[in-house]
Amino acid sequence: MADPITWLAIASAAIGGIGAVQQGRQASAAAKSQANMDEYNATMAEFQARQTNASAGRQEDEQRQRARQTIGAQLAASAQAGAGLNTDLLRQSVYNMDADSSAIRYEGALRAQGLTDSAALSRSSAEVSRDRARGATSAGYLNAAGSLMNAGTSYYRASNGVR
């Protein structure tokens, strides 16, 4: 029969085992929560990327419309003044319209790509958090098993007179 100190050591080990399981569960829950937040951030970044592309498309369309109106006004003013058609001015105006449109489209694409990259990083972080959650649960059970093994060893030594 084991002495009271051995029984206290066994009880302490059992409580430690329960605590280890609980810590593992808490760490797992925290990691899962982080994974959920990372997934949410990824989804929002993807949504913002789509919105950014759509906004750039609208801005490009608006810019083209304003440029066509300006070119039309220039042609009307030139005709009213009797100057005739200035092809160099027309060519330059069309070139400027295309350059401005391309810049708007390119800037929108760059912003959208940055958001898409951010989404990919958030998804990667979510996967790491999910792995950490699985590991935390396993670690809690392994720590509990270690505590119980130590208690069993203490009991065996006490009951067989081994020190």
C-alpha atoms as a PDB file:
ATOM      1  CA  MET A   1       0.000   0.000   0.000  1.00  0.00           C
ATOM      2  CA  ALA A   2       1.310   3.462  -0.923  1.00  0.00           C
ATOM      3  CA  ASP A   3       1.893   6.156   1.660  1.00  0.00           C
ATOM      4  CA  PRO A   4      -0.198   9.395   1.720  1.00  0.00           C
ATOM      5  CA  ILE A   5       2.519  11.394  -0.020  1.00  0.00           C
ATOM      6  CA  THR A   6       2.449   8.960  -2.931  1.00  0.00           C
ATOM      7  CA  TRP A   7      -1.346   9.297  -3.126  1.00  0.00           C
ATOM      8  CA  LEU A   8      -1.001  13.075  -3.127  1.00  0.00           C
ATOM      9  CA  ALA A   9       1.550  12.838  -5.929  1.00  0.00           C
ATOM     10  CA  ILE A  10      -0.820  10.612  -7.908  1.00  0.00           C
ATOM     11  CA  ALA A  11      -3.744  13.001  -7.321  1.00  0.00           C
ATOM     12  CA  SER A  12      -1.578  15.950  -8.293  1.00  0.00           C
ATOM     13  CA  ALA A  13      -0.528  14.170 -11.484  1.00  0.00           C
ATOM     14  CA  ALA A  14      -4.149  13.409 -12.330  1.00  0.00           C
ATOM     15  CA  ILE A  15      -5.131  17.041 -11.793  1.00  0.00           C
ATOM     16  CA  GLY A  16      -2.131  18.084 -13.881  1.00  0.00           C
ATOM     17  CA  GLY A  17      -3.317  15.754 -16.629  1.00  0.00           C
ATOM     18  CA  ILE A  18      -6.779  17.278 -16.601  1.00  0.00           C
ATOM     19  CA  GLY A  19      -5.213  20.742 -16.669  1.00  0.00           C
ATOM     20  CA  ALA A  20      -3.011  19.781 -19.598  1.00  0.00           C
ATOM     21  CA  VAL A  21      -6.029  18.591 -21.596  1.00  0.00           C
ATOM     22  CA  GLN A  22      -7.884  21.812 -20.753  1.00  0.00           C
ATOM     23  CA  GLN A  23      -4.900  23.959 -21.767  1.00  0.00           C
ATOM     24  CA  GLY A  24      -4.683  22.067 -25.039  1.00  0.00           C
ATOM     25  CA  ARG A  25      -8.369  22.662 -25.698  1.00  0.00           C
ATOM     26  CA  GLN A  26      -8.047  26.366 -24.887  1.00  0.00           C
ATOM     27  CA  ALA A  27      -5.008  26.756 -27.136  1.00  0.00           C
ATOM     28  CA  SER A  28      -6.847  24.877 -29.866  1.00  0.00           C
ATOM     29  CA  ALA A  29      -9.905  27.123 -29.522  1.00  0.00           C
ATOM     30  CA  ALA A  30      -7.725  30.244 -29.692  1.00  0.00           C
ATOM     31  CA  ALA A  31      -5.952  28.971 -32.807  1.00  0.00           C
ATOM     32  CA  LYS A  32      -9.282  28.079 -34.450  1.00  0.00           C
ATOM     33  CA  SER A  33     -10.572  31.550 -33.658  1.00  0.00           C
ATOM     34  CA  GLN A  34      -7.480  33.058 -35.282  1.00  0.00           C
ATOM     35  CA  ALA A  35      -7.981  30.829 -38.332  1.00  0.00           C
ATOM     36  CA  ASN A  36     -11.581  32.039 -38.616  1.00  0.00           C
ATOM     37  CA  MET A  37     -10.448  35.672 -38.408  1.00  0.00           C
ATOM     38  CA  ASP A  38      -7.787  35.071 -41.066  1.00  0.00           C
ATOM     39  CA  GLU A  39     -10.377  33.454 -43.355  1.00  0.00           C
ATOM     40  CA  TYR A  40     -12.687  36.425 -42.839  1.00  0.00           C
ATOM     41  CA  ASN A  41      -9.848  38.839 -43.657  1.00  0.00           C
ATOM     42  CA  ALA A  42      -9.066  36.848 -46.813  1.00  0.00           C
ATOM     43  CA  THR A  43     -12.693  36.930 -47.920  1.00  0.00           C
ATOM     44  CA  MET A  44     -12.898  40.673 -47.317  1.00  0.00           C
ATOM     45  CA  ALA A  45      -9.650  41.316 -49.209  1.00  0.00           C
ATOM     46  CA  GLU A  46     -10.966  39.326 -52.184  1.00  0.00           C
ATOM     47  CA  PHE A  47     -14.214  41.294 -52.084  1.00  0.00           C
ATOM     48  CA  GLN A  48     -12.264  44.566 -51.960  1.00  0.00           C
ATOM     49  CA  ALA A  49     -10.127  43.425 -54.907  1.00  0.00           C
ATOM     50  CA  ARG A  50     -13.271  42.821 -56.988  1.00  0.00           C
ATOM     51  CA  GLN A  51     -14.652  46.194 -55.905  1.00  0.00           C
ATOM     52  CA  THR A  52     -11.376  47.891 -56.789  1.00  0.00           C
ATOM     53  CA  ASN A  53     -11.393  46.393 -60.283  1.00  0.00           C
ATOM     54  CA  ALA A  54     -15.018  47.412 -60.788  1.00  0.00           C
ATOM     55  CA  SER A  55     -14.317  50.935 -59.525  1.00  0.00           C
ATOM     56  CA  ALA A  56     -11.326  51.293 -61.850  1.00  0.00           C
ATOM     57  CA  GLY A  57     -13.514  50.181 -64.762  1.00  0.00           C
ATOM     58  CA  ARG A  58     -16.130  52.805 -63.897  1.00  0.00           C
ATOM     59  CA  GLN A  59     -13.472  55.503 -63.524  1.00  0.00           C
ATOM     60  CA  GLU A  60     -11.973  54.518 -66.861  1.00  0.00           C
ATOM     61  CA  ASP A  61     -15.391  54.706 -68.559  1.00  0.00           C
ATOM     62  CA  GLU A  62     -16.083  58.111 -66.987  1.00  0.00           C
ATOM     63  CA  GLN A  63     -12.673  59.406 -68.038  1.00  0.00           C
ATOM     64  CA  ARG A  64     -13.212  58.222 -71.631  1.00  0.00           C
ATOM     65  CA  GLN A  65     -16.634  59.899 -71.713  1.00  0.00           C
ATOM     66  CA  ARG A  66     -15.183  63.214 -70.457  1.00  0.00           C
ATOM     67  CA  ALA A  67     -12.327  62.963 -72.972  1.00  0.00           C
ATOM     68  CA  ARG A  68     -14.735  62.319 -75.879  1.00  0.00           C
ATOM     69  CA  GLN A  69     -16.778  65.354 -74.837  1.00  0.00           C
ATOM     70  CA  THR A  70     -13.625  67.473 -74.665  1.00  0.00           C
ATOM     71  CA  ILE A  71     -12.485  66.267 -78.093  1.00  0.00           C
ATOM     72  CA  GLY A  72     -15.932  67.009 -79.501  1.00  0.00           C
ATOM     73  CA  ALA A  73     -15.855  70.523 -78.031  1.00  0.00           C
ATOM     74  CA  GLN A  74     -12.370  71.083 -79.508  1.00  0.00           C
ATOM     75  CA  LEU A  75     -13.535  69.949 -82.959  1.00  0.00           C
ATOM     76  CA  ALA A  76     -16.646  72.156 -82.750  1.00  0.00           C
ATOM     77  CA  ALA A  77     -14.607  75.190 -81.672  1.00  0.00           C
ATOM     78  CA  SER A  78     -12.098  74.569 -84.476  1.00  0.00           C
ATOM     79  CA  ALA A  79     -14.873  74.270 -87.067  1.00  0.00           C
ATOM     80  CA  GLN A  80     -16.665  77.370 -85.754  1.00  0.00           C
ATOM     81  CA  ALA A  81     -13.448  79.368 -85.972  1.00  0.00           C
ATOM     82  CA  GLY A  82     -13.064  78.201 -89.572  1.00  0.00           C
ATOM     83  CA  ALA A  83      -9.683  76.690 -88.816  1.00  0.00           C
ATOM     84  CA  GLY A  84     -10.613  73.300 -90.250  1.00  0.00           C
ATOM     85  CA  LEU A  85      -9.683  69.943 -88.795  1.00  0.00           C
ATOM     86  CA  ASN A  86      -6.396  69.952 -86.897  1.00  0.00           C
ATOM     87  CA  THR A  87      -5.364  66.304 -87.160  1.00  0.00           C
ATOM     88  CA  ASP A  88      -2.335  66.750 -84.908  1.00  0.00           C
ATOM     89  CA  LEU A  89      -4.521  68.156 -82.118  1.00  0.00           C
ATOM     90  CA  LEU A  90      -7.059  65.362 -82.618  1.00  0.00           C
ATOM     91  CA  ARG A  91      -4.358  62.669 -82.609  1.00  0.00           C
ATOM     92  CA  GLN A  92      -2.792  64.100 -79.431  1.00  0.00           C
ATOM     93  CA  SER A  93      -6.175  64.292 -77.693  1.00  0.00           C
ATOM     94  CA  VAL A  94      -6.986  60.659 -78.539  1.00  0.00           C
ATOM     95  CA  TYR A  95      -3.504  59.610 -77.399  1.00  0.00           C
ATOM     96  CA  ASN A  96      -3.976  61.468 -74.080  1.00  0.00           C
ATOM     97  CA  MET A  97      -7.402  59.850 -73.608  1.00  0.00           C
ATOM     98  CA  ASP A  98      -5.931  56.370 -74.127  1.00  0.00           C
ATOM     99  CA  ALA A  99      -2.956  57.079 -71.861  1.00  0.00           C
ATOM    100  CA  ASP A 100      -5.213  58.343 -69.060  1.00  0.00           C
ATOM    101  CA  SER A 101      -7.523  55.334 -69.443  1.00  0.00           C
ATOM    102  CA  SER A 102      -4.604  52.920 -69.344  1.00  0.00           C
ATOM    103  CA  ALA A 103      -3.196  54.584 -66.224  1.00  0.00           C
ATOM    104  CA  ILE A 104      -6.554  54.291 -64.437  1.00  0.00           C
ATOM    105  CA  ARG A 105      -6.899  50.624 -65.429  1.00  0.00           C
ATOM    106  CA  TYR A 106      -3.283  49.838 -64.438  1.00  0.00           C
ATOM    107  CA  GLU A 107      -3.577  51.567 -61.050  1.00  0.00           C
ATOM    108  CA  GLY A 108      -6.791  49.665 -60.309  1.00  0.00           C
ATOM    109  CA  ALA A 109      -5.176  46.375 -61.312  1.00  0.00           C
ATOM    110  CA  LEU A 110      -2.199  47.053 -59.018  1.00  0.00           C
ATOM    111  CA  ARG A 111      -4.430  47.828 -56.042  1.00  0.00           C
ATOM    112  CA  ALA A 112      -6.565  44.750 -56.738  1.00  0.00           C
ATOM    113  CA  GLN A 113      -3.471  42.552 -56.991  1.00  0.00           C
ATOM    114  CA  GLY A 114      -2.233  43.844 -53.649  1.00  0.00           C
ATOM    115  CA  LEU A 115      -5.568  42.917 -52.079  1.00  0.00           C
ATOM    116  CA  THR A 116      -5.504  39.491 -53.744  1.00  0.00           C
ATOM    117  CA  ASP A 117      -1.998  38.916 -52.383  1.00  0.00           C
ATOM    118  CA  SER A 118      -3.199  39.971 -48.937  1.00  0.00           C
ATOM    119  CA  ALA A 119      -6.040  37.439 -49.200  1.00  0.00           C
ATOM    120  CA  ALA A 120      -3.577  34.682 -50.081  1.00  0.00           C
ATOM    121  CA  LEU A 121      -1.413  35.567 -47.060  1.00  0.00           C
ATOM    122  CA  SER A 122      -4.455  35.532 -44.787  1.00  0.00           C
ATOM    123  CA  ARG A 123      -5.493  32.123 -46.120  1.00  0.00           C
ATOM    124  CA  SER A 124      -1.979  30.817 -45.508  1.00  0.00           C
ATOM    125  CA  SER A 125      -2.056  32.205 -41.974  1.00  0.00           C
ATOM    126  CA  ALA A 126      -5.443  30.527 -41.420  1.00  0.00           C
ATOM    127  CA  GLU A 127      -3.979  27.174 -42.438  1.00  0.00           C
ATOM    128  CA  VAL A 128      -1.068  27.638 -40.024  1.00  0.00           C
ATOM    129  CA  SER A 129      -3.548  28.461 -37.253  1.00  0.00           C
ATOM    130  CA  ARG A 130      -5.600  25.354 -38.036  1.00  0.00           C
ATOM    131  CA  ASP A 131      -2.413  23.256 -37.869  1.00  0.00           C
ATOM    132  CA  ARG A 132      -1.563  24.901 -34.552  1.00  0.00           C
ATOM    133  CA  ALA A 133      -5.066  24.069 -33.269  1.00  0.00           C
ATOM    134  CA  ARG A 134      -4.615  20.397 -34.145  1.00  0.00           C
ATOM    135  CA  GLY A 135      -1.184  20.370 -32.541  1.00  0.00           C
ATOM    136  CA  ALA A 136      -2.429  22.061 -29.363  1.00  0.00           C
ATOM    137  CA  THR A 137      -5.117  19.435 -28.862  1.00  0.00           C
ATOM    138  CA  SER A 138      -2.630  16.626 -29.414  1.00  0.00           C
ATOM    139  CA  ALA A 139      -0.074  18.252 -27.130  1.00  0.00           C
ATOM    140  CA  GLY A 140      -2.669  18.563 -24.364  1.00  0.00           C
ATOM    141  CA  TYR A 141      -3.440  14.852 -24.514  1.00  0.00           C
ATOM    142  CA  LEU A 142       0.246  13.925 -24.705  1.00  0.00           C
ATOM    143  CA  ASN A 143       1.014  16.095 -21.674  1.00  0.00           C
ATOM    144  CA  ALA A 144      -1.877  14.484 -19.816  1.00  0.00           C
ATOM    145  CA  ALA A 145      -0.581  11.035 -20.723  1.00  0.00           C
ATOM    146  CA  GLY A 146       2.880  12.026 -19.469  1.00  0.00           C
ATOM    147  CA  SER A 147       1.422  13.205 -16.161  1.00  0.00           C
ATOM    148  CA  LEU A 148      -0.470   9.957 -15.740  1.00  0.00           C
ATOM    149  CA  MET A 149       2.628   7.922 -16.633  1.00  0.00           C
ATOM    150  CA  ASN A 150       4.565   9.786 -13.949  1.00  0.00           C
ATOM    151  CA  ALA A 151       1.790   9.063 -11.458  1.00  0.00           C
ATOM    152  CA  GLY A 152       1.806   5.386 -12.400  1.00  0.00           C
ATOM    153  CA  THR A 153       5.561   5.242 -12.022  1.00  0.00           C
ATOM    154  CA  SER A 154       5.334   6.913  -8.600  1.00  0.00           C
ATOM    155  CA  TYR A 155       2.667   4.435  -7.495  1.00  0.00           C
ATOM    156  CA  TYR A 156       4.657   1.472  -8.803  1.00  0.00           C
ATOM    157  CA  ARG A 157       7.796   2.591  -7.016  1.00  0.00           C
ATOM    158  CA  ALA A 158       5.938   3.253  -3.772  1.00  0.00           C
ATOM    159  CA  SER A 159       4.071  -0.041  -3.802  1.00  0.00           C
ATOM    160  CA  ASN A 160       7.233  -2.053  -4.594  1.00  0.00           C
ATOM    161  CA  GLY A 161       9.550  -0.151  -2.273  1.00  0.00           C
ATOM    162  CA  VAL A 162      11.660   1.229  -5.152  1.00  0.00           C
ATOM    163  CA  ARG A 163      13.185   4.669  -4.612  1.00  0.00           C
END
